Amino acid sequence: MAENDWTSATEYIQRAFHLVDEFEILVAAWQTHATAWRLYIHAKEQQKAEAQRERAESCILKIANSFAPDEPLRASFLAAGPVRRVLRDKVLDNAKH
């Protein structure tokens, strides 16, 4: 994507999907789905983009929920910029209550 080679980017994302689906690696999975989200936004495929954002969000929440609610690492993870972009702050607001 950084080189504007969208065909190759799509191929690499598909390879990454295969790996994260086969091995259930949540840290890699949320990043893969977040990257696909950006790719589909660029391609103006809004439904696919939102589906990928939701999958990234699901992975993020599984990771966050693996920590105790008062665990500082949980708060740090949820506060990270890339995570906040996927969660769009709404989930963070709900998690605080």
PDB file of N, CA and C in Angstrom:
ATOM      1  N   MET A   1       0.827  -1.185   0.000  1.00  0.00           N
ATOM      2  CA  MET A   1       0.000   0.000   0.000  1.00  0.00           C
ATOM      3  C   MET A   1       0.873   1.252   0.000  1.00  0.00           C
ATOM      4  N   ALA A   2       2.004   1.182   0.714  1.00  0.00           N
ATOM      5  CA  ALA A   2       2.888   2.345   0.811  1.00  0.00           C
ATOM      6  C   ALA A   2       3.429   2.739  -0.562  1.00  0.00           C
ATOM      7  N   GLU A   3       3.535   1.770  -1.460  1.00  0.00           N
ATOM      8  CA  GLU A   3       4.050   2.049  -2.799  1.00  0.00           C
ATOM      9  C   GLU A   3       2.935   2.221  -3.821  1.00  0.00           C
ATOM     10  N   ASN A   4       1.693   2.309  -3.330  1.00  0.00           N
ATOM     11  CA  ASN A   4       0.523   2.441  -4.193  1.00  0.00           C
ATOM     12  C   ASN A   4       0.373   1.286  -5.175  1.00  0.00           C
ATOM     13  N   ASP A   5       0.855   0.123  -4.787  1.00  0.00           N
ATOM     14  CA  ASP A   5       0.698  -1.089  -5.586  1.00  0.00           C
ATOM     15  C   ASP A   5      -0.480  -1.863  -4.995  1.00  0.00           C
ATOM     16  N   TRP A   6      -1.673  -1.464  -5.383  1.00  0.00           N
ATOM     17  CA  TRP A   6      -2.892  -1.971  -4.763  1.00  0.00           C
ATOM     18  C   TRP A   6      -3.152  -3.438  -5.106  1.00  0.00           C
ATOM     19  N   THR A   7      -2.718  -3.873  -6.284  1.00  0.00           N
ATOM     20  CA  THR A   7      -2.890  -5.275  -6.652  1.00  0.00           C
ATOM     21  C   THR A   7      -2.060  -6.163  -5.739  1.00  0.00           C
ATOM     22  N   SER A   8      -0.811  -5.812  -5.543  1.00  0.00           N
ATOM     23  CA  SER A   8       0.052  -6.588  -4.646  1.00  0.00           C
ATOM     24  C   SER A   8      -0.438  -6.497  -3.210  1.00  0.00           C
ATOM     25  N   ALA A   9      -0.895  -5.328  -2.816  1.00  0.00           N
ATOM     26  CA  ALA A   9      -1.408  -5.163  -1.444  1.00  0.00           C
ATOM     27  C   ALA A   9      -2.571  -6.111  -1.205  1.00  0.00           C
ATOM     28  N   THR A  10      -3.456  -6.220  -2.168  1.00  0.00           N
ATOM     29  CA  THR A  10      -4.602  -7.125  -2.044  1.00  0.00           C
ATOM     30  C   THR A  10      -4.140  -8.572  -1.938  1.00  0.00           C
ATOM     31  N   GLU A  11      -3.164  -8.951  -2.744  1.00  0.00           N
ATOM     32  CA  GLU A  11      -2.626 -10.313  -2.694  1.00  0.00           C
ATOM     33  C   GLU A  11      -1.998 -10.605  -1.331  1.00  0.00           C
ATOM     34  N   TYR A  12      -1.227  -9.666  -0.805  1.00  0.00           N
ATOM     35  CA  TYR A  12      -0.569  -9.862   0.487  1.00  0.00           C
ATOM     36  C   TYR A  12      -1.588  -9.952   1.623  1.00  0.00           C
ATOM     37  N   ILE A  13      -2.634  -9.146   1.535  1.00  0.00           N
ATOM     38  CA  ILE A  13      -3.685  -9.214   2.556  1.00  0.00           C
ATOM     39  C   ILE A  13      -4.348 -10.583   2.535  1.00  0.00           C
ATOM     40  N   GLN A  14      -4.607 -11.104   1.338  1.00  0.00           N
ATOM     41  CA  GLN A  14      -5.234 -12.421   1.238  1.00  0.00           C
ATOM     42  C   GLN A  14      -4.334 -13.495   1.861  1.00  0.00           C
ATOM     43  N   ARG A  15      -3.047 -13.397   1.637  1.00  0.00           N
ATOM     44  CA  ARG A  15      -2.102 -14.340   2.260  1.00  0.00           C
ATOM     45  C   ARG A  15      -2.138 -14.212   3.785  1.00  0.00           C
ATOM     46  N   ALA A  16      -2.179 -12.983   4.250  1.00  0.00           N
ATOM     47  CA  ALA A  16      -2.217 -12.747   5.698  1.00  0.00           C
ATOM     48  C   ALA A  16      -3.503 -13.297   6.304  1.00  0.00           C
ATOM     49  N   PHE A  17      -4.630 -13.126   5.596  1.00  0.00           N
ATOM     50  CA  PHE A  17      -5.896 -13.696   6.079  1.00  0.00           C
ATOM     51  C   PHE A  17      -5.765 -15.202   6.273  1.00  0.00           C
ATOM     52  N   HIS A  18      -5.147 -15.847   5.306  1.00  0.00           N
ATOM     53  CA  HIS A  18      -4.976 -17.306   5.395  1.00  0.00           C
ATOM     54  C   HIS A  18      -4.210 -17.670   6.669  1.00  0.00           C
ATOM     55  N   LEU A  19      -3.134 -16.964   6.938  1.00  0.00           N
ATOM     56  CA  LEU A  19      -2.314 -17.263   8.117  1.00  0.00           C
ATOM     57  C   LEU A  19      -3.041 -16.990   9.425  1.00  0.00           C
ATOM     58  N   VAL A  20      -3.664 -15.829   9.540  1.00  0.00           N
ATOM     59  CA  VAL A  20      -4.320 -15.501  10.808  1.00  0.00           C
ATOM     60  C   VAL A  20      -5.560 -16.348  11.039  1.00  0.00           C
ATOM     61  N   ASP A  21      -6.213 -16.780   9.957  1.00  0.00           N
ATOM     62  CA  ASP A  21      -7.363 -17.672  10.116  1.00  0.00           C
ATOM     63  C   ASP A  21      -6.919 -19.074  10.508  1.00  0.00           C
ATOM     64  N   GLU A  22      -5.816 -19.514   9.941  1.00  0.00           N
ATOM     65  CA  GLU A  22      -5.324 -20.865  10.225  1.00  0.00           C
ATOM     66  C   GLU A  22      -4.778 -21.005  11.636  1.00  0.00           C
ATOM     67  N   PHE A  23      -4.084 -19.985  12.119  1.00  0.00           N
ATOM     68  CA  PHE A  23      -3.388 -20.094  13.389  1.00  0.00           C
ATOM     69  C   PHE A  23      -3.982 -19.263  14.520  1.00  0.00           C
ATOM     70  N   GLU A  24      -5.000 -18.479  14.265  1.00  0.00           N
ATOM     71  CA  GLU A  24      -5.639 -17.606  15.258  1.00  0.00           C
ATOM     72  C   GLU A  24      -4.610 -16.852  16.107  1.00  0.00           C
ATOM     73  N   ILE A  25      -3.930 -15.954  15.450  1.00  0.00           N
ATOM     74  CA  ILE A  25      -2.943 -15.089  16.087  1.00  0.00           C
ATOM     75  C   ILE A  25      -3.600 -13.716  16.214  1.00  0.00           C
ATOM     76  N   LEU A  26      -4.184 -13.444  17.377  1.00  0.00           N
ATOM     77  CA  LEU A  26      -5.005 -12.241  17.532  1.00  0.00           C
ATOM     78  C   LEU A  26      -4.248 -10.942  17.284  1.00  0.00           C
ATOM     79  N   VAL A  27      -3.010 -10.864  17.718  1.00  0.00           N
ATOM     80  CA  VAL A  27      -2.246  -9.620  17.532  1.00  0.00           C
ATOM     81  C   VAL A  27      -2.029  -9.362  16.046  1.00  0.00           C
ATOM     82  N   ALA A  28      -1.677 -10.394  15.314  1.00  0.00           N
ATOM     83  CA  ALA A  28      -1.507 -10.238  13.867  1.00  0.00           C
ATOM     84  C   ALA A  28      -2.855 -10.068  13.175  1.00  0.00           C
ATOM     85  N   ALA A  29      -3.878 -10.748  13.675  1.00  0.00           N
ATOM     86  CA  ALA A  29      -5.194 -10.708  13.030  1.00  0.00           C
ATOM     87  C   ALA A  29      -5.798  -9.307  13.057  1.00  0.00           C
ATOM     88  N   TRP A  30      -5.745  -8.644  14.212  1.00  0.00           N
ATOM     89  CA  TRP A  30      -6.382  -7.321  14.251  1.00  0.00           C
ATOM     90  C   TRP A  30      -5.657  -6.353  13.321  1.00  0.00           C
ATOM     91  N   GLN A  31      -4.337  -6.484  13.230  1.00  0.00           N
ATOM     92  CA  GLN A  31      -3.573  -5.594  12.352  1.00  0.00           C
ATOM     93  C   GLN A  31      -3.837  -5.908  10.876  1.00  0.00           C
ATOM     94  N   THR A  32      -3.995  -7.194  10.571  1.00  0.00           N
ATOM     95  CA  THR A  32      -4.313  -7.589   9.198  1.00  0.00           C
ATOM     96  C   THR A  32      -5.677  -7.050   8.794  1.00  0.00           C
ATOM     97  N   HIS A  33      -6.659  -7.221   9.657  1.00  0.00           N
ATOM     98  CA  HIS A  33      -8.004  -6.733   9.337  1.00  0.00           C
ATOM     99  C   HIS A  33      -8.043  -5.207   9.282  1.00  0.00           C
ATOM    100  N   ALA A  34      -7.283  -4.548  10.130  1.00  0.00           N
ATOM    101  CA  ALA A  34      -7.223  -3.079  10.084  1.00  0.00           C
ATOM    102  C   ALA A  34      -6.586  -2.607   8.778  1.00  0.00           C
ATOM    103  N   THR A  35      -5.570  -3.320   8.320  1.00  0.00           N
ATOM    104  CA  THR A  35      -4.942  -2.982   7.040  1.00  0.00           C
ATOM    105  C   THR A  35      -5.917  -3.206   5.897  1.00  0.00           C
ATOM    106  N   ALA A  36      -6.650  -4.312   5.945  1.00  0.00           N
ATOM    107  CA  ALA A  36      -7.657  -4.585   4.915  1.00  0.00           C
ATOM    108  C   ALA A  36      -8.739  -3.508   4.931  1.00  0.00           C
ATOM    109  N   TRP A  37      -9.107  -3.043   6.108  1.00  0.00           N
ATOM    110  CA  TRP A  37     -10.081  -1.953   6.238  1.00  0.00           C
ATOM    111  C   TRP A  37      -9.612  -0.742   5.434  1.00  0.00           C
ATOM    112  N   ARG A  38      -8.356  -0.356   5.652  1.00  0.00           N
ATOM    113  CA  ARG A  38      -7.818   0.804   4.925  1.00  0.00           C
ATOM    114  C   ARG A  38      -7.766   0.541   3.420  1.00  0.00           C
ATOM    115  N   LEU A  39      -7.401  -0.682   3.048  1.00  0.00           N
ATOM    116  CA  LEU A  39      -7.335  -1.055   1.637  1.00  0.00           C
ATOM    117  C   LEU A  39      -8.710  -0.939   0.977  1.00  0.00           C
ATOM    118  N   TYR A  40      -9.746  -1.456   1.637  1.00  0.00           N
ATOM    119  CA  TYR A  40     -11.095  -1.395   1.072  1.00  0.00           C
ATOM    120  C   TYR A  40     -11.651   0.021   1.068  1.00  0.00           C
ATOM    121  N   ILE A  41     -11.272   0.831   2.040  1.00  0.00           N
ATOM    122  CA  ILE A  41     -11.682   2.244   2.004  1.00  0.00           C
ATOM    123  C   ILE A  41     -11.105   2.893   0.752  1.00  0.00           C
ATOM    124  N   HIS A  42      -9.825   2.630   0.505  1.00  0.00           N
ATOM    125  CA  HIS A  42      -9.178   3.188  -0.685  1.00  0.00           C
ATOM    126  C   HIS A  42      -9.886   2.714  -1.962  1.00  0.00           C
ATOM    127  N   ALA A  43     -10.306   1.457  -1.978  1.00  0.00           N
ATOM    128  CA  ALA A  43     -10.980   0.885  -3.148  1.00  0.00           C
ATOM    129  C   ALA A  43     -12.450   1.299  -3.231  1.00  0.00           C
ATOM    130  N   LYS A  44     -12.894   2.097  -2.251  1.00  0.00           N
ATOM    131  CA  LYS A  44     -14.283   2.570  -2.191  1.00  0.00           C
ATOM    132  C   LYS A  44     -15.278   1.410  -2.079  1.00  0.00           C
ATOM    133  N   GLU A  45     -14.878   0.392  -1.328  1.00  0.00           N
ATOM    134  CA  GLU A  45     -15.743  -0.752  -1.057  1.00  0.00           C
ATOM    135  C   GLU A  45     -16.122  -0.684   0.421  1.00  0.00           C
ATOM    136  N   GLN A  46     -17.095   0.172   0.706  1.00  0.00           N
ATOM    137  CA  GLN A  46     -17.436   0.515   2.088  1.00  0.00           C
ATOM    138  C   GLN A  46     -17.934  -0.669   2.908  1.00  0.00           C
ATOM    139  N   GLN A  47     -18.739  -1.542   2.318  1.00  0.00           N
ATOM    140  CA  GLN A  47     -19.241  -2.691   3.083  1.00  0.00           C
ATOM    141  C   GLN A  47     -18.105  -3.622   3.484  1.00  0.00           C
ATOM    142  N   LYS A  48     -17.219  -3.899   2.537  1.00  0.00           N
ATOM    143  CA  LYS A  48     -16.068  -4.748   2.854  1.00  0.00           C
ATOM    144  C   LYS A  48     -15.174  -4.070   3.885  1.00  0.00           C
ATOM    145  N   ALA A  49     -15.006  -2.768   3.737  1.00  0.00           N
ATOM    146  CA  ALA A  49     -14.176  -2.020   4.680  1.00  0.00           C
ATOM    147  C   ALA A  49     -14.737  -2.124   6.093  1.00  0.00           C
ATOM    148  N   GLU A  50     -16.024  -1.891   6.236  1.00  0.00           N
ATOM    149  CA  GLU A  50     -16.620  -1.932   7.573  1.00  0.00           C
ATOM    150  C   GLU A  50     -16.586  -3.339   8.155  1.00  0.00           C
ATOM    151  N   ALA A  51     -16.748  -4.351   7.318  1.00  0.00           N
ATOM    152  CA  ALA A  51     -16.657  -5.739   7.803  1.00  0.00           C
ATOM    153  C   ALA A  51     -15.258  -6.023   8.346  1.00  0.00           C
ATOM    154  N   GLN A  52     -14.249  -5.508   7.681  1.00  0.00           N
ATOM    155  CA  GLN A  52     -12.876  -5.715   8.151  1.00  0.00           C
ATOM    156  C   GLN A  52     -12.601  -4.929   9.421  1.00  0.00           C
ATOM    157  N   ARG A  53     -13.151  -3.714   9.507  1.00  0.00           N
ATOM    158  CA  ARG A  53     -12.976  -2.936  10.735  1.00  0.00           C
ATOM    159  C   ARG A  53     -13.626  -3.665  11.910  1.00  0.00           C
ATOM    160  N   GLU A  54     -14.795  -4.232  11.674  1.00  0.00           N
ATOM    161  CA  GLU A  54     -15.481  -4.968  12.741  1.00  0.00           C
ATOM    162  C   GLU A  54     -14.690  -6.207  13.165  1.00  0.00           C
ATOM    163  N   ARG A  55     -14.072  -6.883  12.208  1.00  0.00           N
ATOM    164  CA  ARG A  55     -13.256  -8.058  12.566  1.00  0.00           C
ATOM    165  C   ARG A  55     -12.027  -7.624  13.368  1.00  0.00           C
ATOM    166  N   ALA A  56     -11.420  -6.502  12.976  1.00  0.00           N
ATOM    167  CA  ALA A  56     -10.282  -5.980  13.734  1.00  0.00           C
ATOM    168  C   ALA A  56     -10.725  -5.610  15.145  1.00  0.00           C
ATOM    169  N   GLU A  57     -11.874  -4.966  15.255  1.00  0.00           N
ATOM    170  CA  GLU A  57     -12.412  -4.584  16.563  1.00  0.00           C
ATOM    171  C   GLU A  57     -12.636  -5.817  17.436  1.00  0.00           C
ATOM    172  N   SER A  58     -13.188  -6.854  16.864  1.00  0.00           N
ATOM    173  CA  SER A  58     -13.439  -8.087  17.614  1.00  0.00           C
ATOM    174  C   SER A  58     -12.135  -8.662  18.174  1.00  0.00           C
ATOM    175  N   CYS A  59     -11.104  -8.703  17.356  1.00  0.00           N
ATOM    176  CA  CYS A  59      -9.803  -9.208  17.811  1.00  0.00           C
ATOM    177  C   CYS A  59      -9.233  -8.326  18.921  1.00  0.00           C
ATOM    178  N   ILE A  60      -9.342  -7.019  18.745  1.00  0.00           N
ATOM    179  CA  ILE A  60      -8.837  -6.081  19.744  1.00  0.00           C
ATOM    180  C   ILE A  60      -9.531  -6.305  21.083  1.00  0.00           C
ATOM    181  N   LEU A  61     -10.841  -6.456  21.050  1.00  0.00           N
ATOM    182  CA  LEU A  61     -11.586  -6.647  22.296  1.00  0.00           C
ATOM    183  C   LEU A  61     -11.256  -7.983  22.956  1.00  0.00           C
ATOM    184  N   LYS A  62     -11.006  -9.013  22.160  1.00  0.00           N
ATOM    185  CA  LYS A  62     -10.578 -10.300  22.740  1.00  0.00           C
ATOM    186  C   LYS A  62      -9.239 -10.141  23.452  1.00  0.00           C
ATOM    187  N   ILE A  63      -8.328  -9.411  22.832  1.00  0.00           N
ATOM    188  CA  ILE A  63      -7.025  -9.170  23.459  1.00  0.00           C
ATOM    189  C   ILE A  63      -7.224  -8.369  24.745  1.00  0.00           C
ATOM    190  N   ALA A  64      -7.968  -7.275  24.663  1.00  0.00           N
ATOM    191  CA  ALA A  64      -8.186  -6.414  25.826  1.00  0.00           C
ATOM    192  C   ALA A  64      -8.852  -7.186  26.962  1.00  0.00           C
ATOM    193  N   ASN A  65      -9.817  -8.015  26.622  1.00  0.00           N
ATOM    194  CA  ASN A  65     -10.545  -8.756  27.646  1.00  0.00           C
ATOM    195  C   ASN A  65      -9.745  -9.922  28.227  1.00  0.00           C
ATOM    196  N   SER A  66      -8.592 -10.197  27.656  1.00  0.00           N
ATOM    197  CA  SER A  66      -7.732 -11.227  28.238  1.00  0.00           C
ATOM    198  C   SER A  66      -6.970 -10.678  29.455  1.00  0.00           C
ATOM    199  N   PHE A  67      -7.014  -9.359  29.633  1.00  0.00           N
ATOM    200  CA  PHE A  67      -6.415  -8.700  30.788  1.00  0.00           C
ATOM    201  C   PHE A  67      -7.496  -8.406  31.827  1.00  0.00           C
ATOM    202  N   ALA A  68      -7.101  -8.314  33.062  1.00  0.00           N
ATOM    203  CA  ALA A  68      -8.032  -7.886  34.108  1.00  0.00           C
ATOM    204  C   ALA A  68      -8.465  -6.447  33.812  1.00  0.00           C
ATOM    205  N   PRO A  69      -9.677  -6.076  34.190  1.00  0.00           N
ATOM    206  CA  PRO A  69     -10.174  -4.720  33.901  1.00  0.00           C
ATOM    207  C   PRO A  69      -9.273  -3.598  34.419  1.00  0.00           C
ATOM    208  N   ASP A  70      -8.600  -3.821  35.524  1.00  0.00           N
ATOM    209  CA  ASP A  70      -7.747  -2.777  36.096  1.00  0.00           C
ATOM    210  C   ASP A  70      -6.273  -2.931  35.720  1.00  0.00           C
ATOM    211  N   GLU A  71      -5.969  -3.832  34.817  1.00  0.00           N
ATOM    212  CA  GLU A  71      -4.586  -4.062  34.382  1.00  0.00           C
ATOM    213  C   GLU A  71      -4.098  -2.873  33.547  1.00  0.00           C
ATOM    214  N   PRO A  72      -2.978  -2.246  33.932  1.00  0.00           N
ATOM    215  CA  PRO A  72      -2.461  -1.109  33.168  1.00  0.00           C
ATOM    216  C   PRO A  72      -2.156  -1.434  31.696  1.00  0.00           C
ATOM    217  N   LEU A  73      -1.728  -2.662  31.414  1.00  0.00           N
ATOM    218  CA  LEU A  73      -1.447  -3.023  30.016  1.00  0.00           C
ATOM    219  C   LEU A  73      -2.715  -2.983  29.156  1.00  0.00           C
ATOM    220  N   ARG A  74      -3.841  -3.330  29.754  1.00  0.00           N
ATOM    221  CA  ARG A  74      -5.118  -3.266  29.037  1.00  0.00           C
ATOM    222  C   ARG A  74      -5.412  -1.824  28.640  1.00  0.00           C
ATOM    223  N   ALA A  75      -5.269  -0.923  29.607  1.00  0.00           N
ATOM    224  CA  ALA A  75      -5.526   0.492  29.333  1.00  0.00           C
ATOM    225  C   ALA A  75      -4.553   1.043  28.292  1.00  0.00           C
ATOM    226  N   SER A  76      -3.288   0.666  28.392  1.00  0.00           N
ATOM    227  CA  SER A  76      -2.288   1.127  27.415  1.00  0.00           C
ATOM    228  C   SER A  76      -2.610   0.624  26.019  1.00  0.00           C
ATOM    229  N   PHE A  77      -2.978  -0.646  25.917  1.00  0.00           N
ATOM    230  CA  PHE A  77      -3.320  -1.234  24.623  1.00  0.00           C
ATOM    231  C   PHE A  77      -4.515  -0.498  24.010  1.00  0.00           C
ATOM    232  N   LEU A  78      -5.566  -0.309  24.796  1.00  0.00           N
ATOM    233  CA  LEU A  78      -6.761   0.355  24.279  1.00  0.00           C
ATOM    234  C   LEU A  78      -6.527   1.825  23.946  1.00  0.00           C
ATOM    235  N   ALA A  79      -5.527   2.436  24.559  1.00  0.00           N
ATOM    236  CA  ALA A  79      -5.243   3.846  24.313  1.00  0.00           C
ATOM    237  C   ALA A  79      -4.322   4.076  23.120  1.00  0.00           C
ATOM    238  N   ALA A  80      -3.725   3.012  22.599  1.00  0.00           N
ATOM    239  CA  ALA A  80      -2.792   3.149  21.470  1.00  0.00           C
ATOM    240  C   ALA A  80      -3.526   3.712  20.246  1.00  0.00           C
ATOM    241  N   GLY A  81      -2.868   4.600  19.541  1.00  0.00           N
ATOM    242  CA  GLY A  81      -3.465   5.260  18.377  1.00  0.00           C
ATOM    243  C   GLY A  81      -4.088   4.324  17.351  1.00  0.00           C
ATOM    244  N   PRO A  82      -3.350   3.313  16.870  1.00  0.00           N
ATOM    245  CA  PRO A  82      -3.938   2.409  15.875  1.00  0.00           C
ATOM    246  C   PRO A  82      -5.171   1.664  16.397  1.00  0.00           C
ATOM    247  N   VAL A  83      -5.153   1.324  17.673  1.00  0.00           N
ATOM    248  CA  VAL A  83      -6.295   0.637  18.278  1.00  0.00           C
ATOM    249  C   VAL A  83      -7.482   1.593  18.360  1.00  0.00           C
ATOM    250  N   ARG A  84      -7.236   2.808  18.795  1.00  0.00           N
ATOM    251  CA  ARG A  84      -8.313   3.803  18.912  1.00  0.00           C
ATOM    252  C   ARG A  84      -8.952   4.088  17.554  1.00  0.00           C
ATOM    253  N   ARG A  85      -8.140   4.105  16.487  1.00  0.00           N
ATOM    254  CA  ARG A  85      -8.702   4.351  15.156  1.00  0.00           C
ATOM    255  C   ARG A  85      -9.687   3.247  14.781  1.00  0.00           C
ATOM    256  N   VAL A  86      -9.342   2.017  15.072  1.00  0.00           N
ATOM    257  CA  VAL A  86     -10.241   0.904  14.761  1.00  0.00           C
ATOM    258  C   VAL A  86     -11.489   0.967  15.628  1.00  0.00           C
ATOM    259  N   LEU A  87     -11.292   1.234  16.907  1.00  0.00           N
ATOM    260  CA  LEU A  87     -12.424   1.262  17.828  1.00  0.00           C
ATOM    261  C   LEU A  87     -13.262   2.521  17.687  1.00  0.00           C
ATOM    262  N   ARG A  88     -12.702   3.540  17.087  1.00  0.00           N
ATOM    263  CA  ARG A  88     -13.410   4.803  16.848  1.00  0.00           C
ATOM    264  C   ARG A  88     -13.917   5.429  18.134  1.00  0.00           C
ATOM    265  N   ASP A  89     -13.198   5.276  19.199  1.00  0.00           N
ATOM    266  CA  ASP A  89     -13.473   5.875  20.499  1.00  0.00           C
ATOM    267  C   ASP A  89     -14.792   5.430  21.139  1.00  0.00           C
ATOM    268  N   LYS A  90     -15.793   5.056  20.354  1.00  0.00           N
ATOM    269  CA  LYS A  90     -17.093   4.690  20.938  1.00  0.00           C
ATOM    270  C   LYS A  90     -16.984   3.485  21.850  1.00  0.00           C
ATOM    271  N   VAL A  91     -16.189   2.514  21.460  1.00  0.00           N
ATOM    272  CA  VAL A  91     -16.025   1.321  22.283  1.00  0.00           C
ATOM    273  C   VAL A  91     -15.274   1.677  23.558  1.00  0.00           C
ATOM    274  N   LEU A  92     -14.315   2.570  23.444  1.00  0.00           N
ATOM    275  CA  LEU A  92     -13.555   2.989  24.620  1.00  0.00           C
ATOM    276  C   LEU A  92     -14.462   3.686  25.621  1.00  0.00           C
ATOM    277  N   ASP A  93     -15.358   4.518  25.139  1.00  0.00           N
ATOM    278  CA  ASP A  93     -16.281   5.205  26.031  1.00  0.00           C
ATOM    279  C   ASP A  93     -17.186   4.207  26.742  1.00  0.00           C
ATOM    280  N   ASN A  94     -17.659   3.199  26.027  1.00  0.00           N
ATOM    281  CA  ASN A  94     -18.510   2.166  26.624  1.00  0.00           C
ATOM    282  C   ASN A  94     -17.731   1.324  27.629  1.00  0.00           C
ATOM    283  N   ALA A  95     -16.470   1.065  27.368  1.00  0.00           N
ATOM    284  CA  ALA A  95     -15.663   0.228  28.251  1.00  0.00           C
ATOM    285  C   ALA A  95     -15.384   0.912  29.586  1.00  0.00           C
ATOM    286  N   LYS A  96     -15.405   2.218  29.606  1.00  0.00           N
ATOM    287  CA  LYS A  96     -15.129   2.957  30.838  1.00  0.00           C
ATOM    288  C   LYS A  96     -16.302   2.908  31.800  1.00  0.00           C
ATOM    289  N   HIS A  97     -17.495   2.632  31.274  1.00  0.00           N
ATOM    290  CA  HIS A  97     -18.699   2.657  32.114  1.00  0.00           C
ATOM    291  C   HIS A  97     -19.084   1.272  32.565  1.00  0.00           C
TER     292      HIS A  97
END
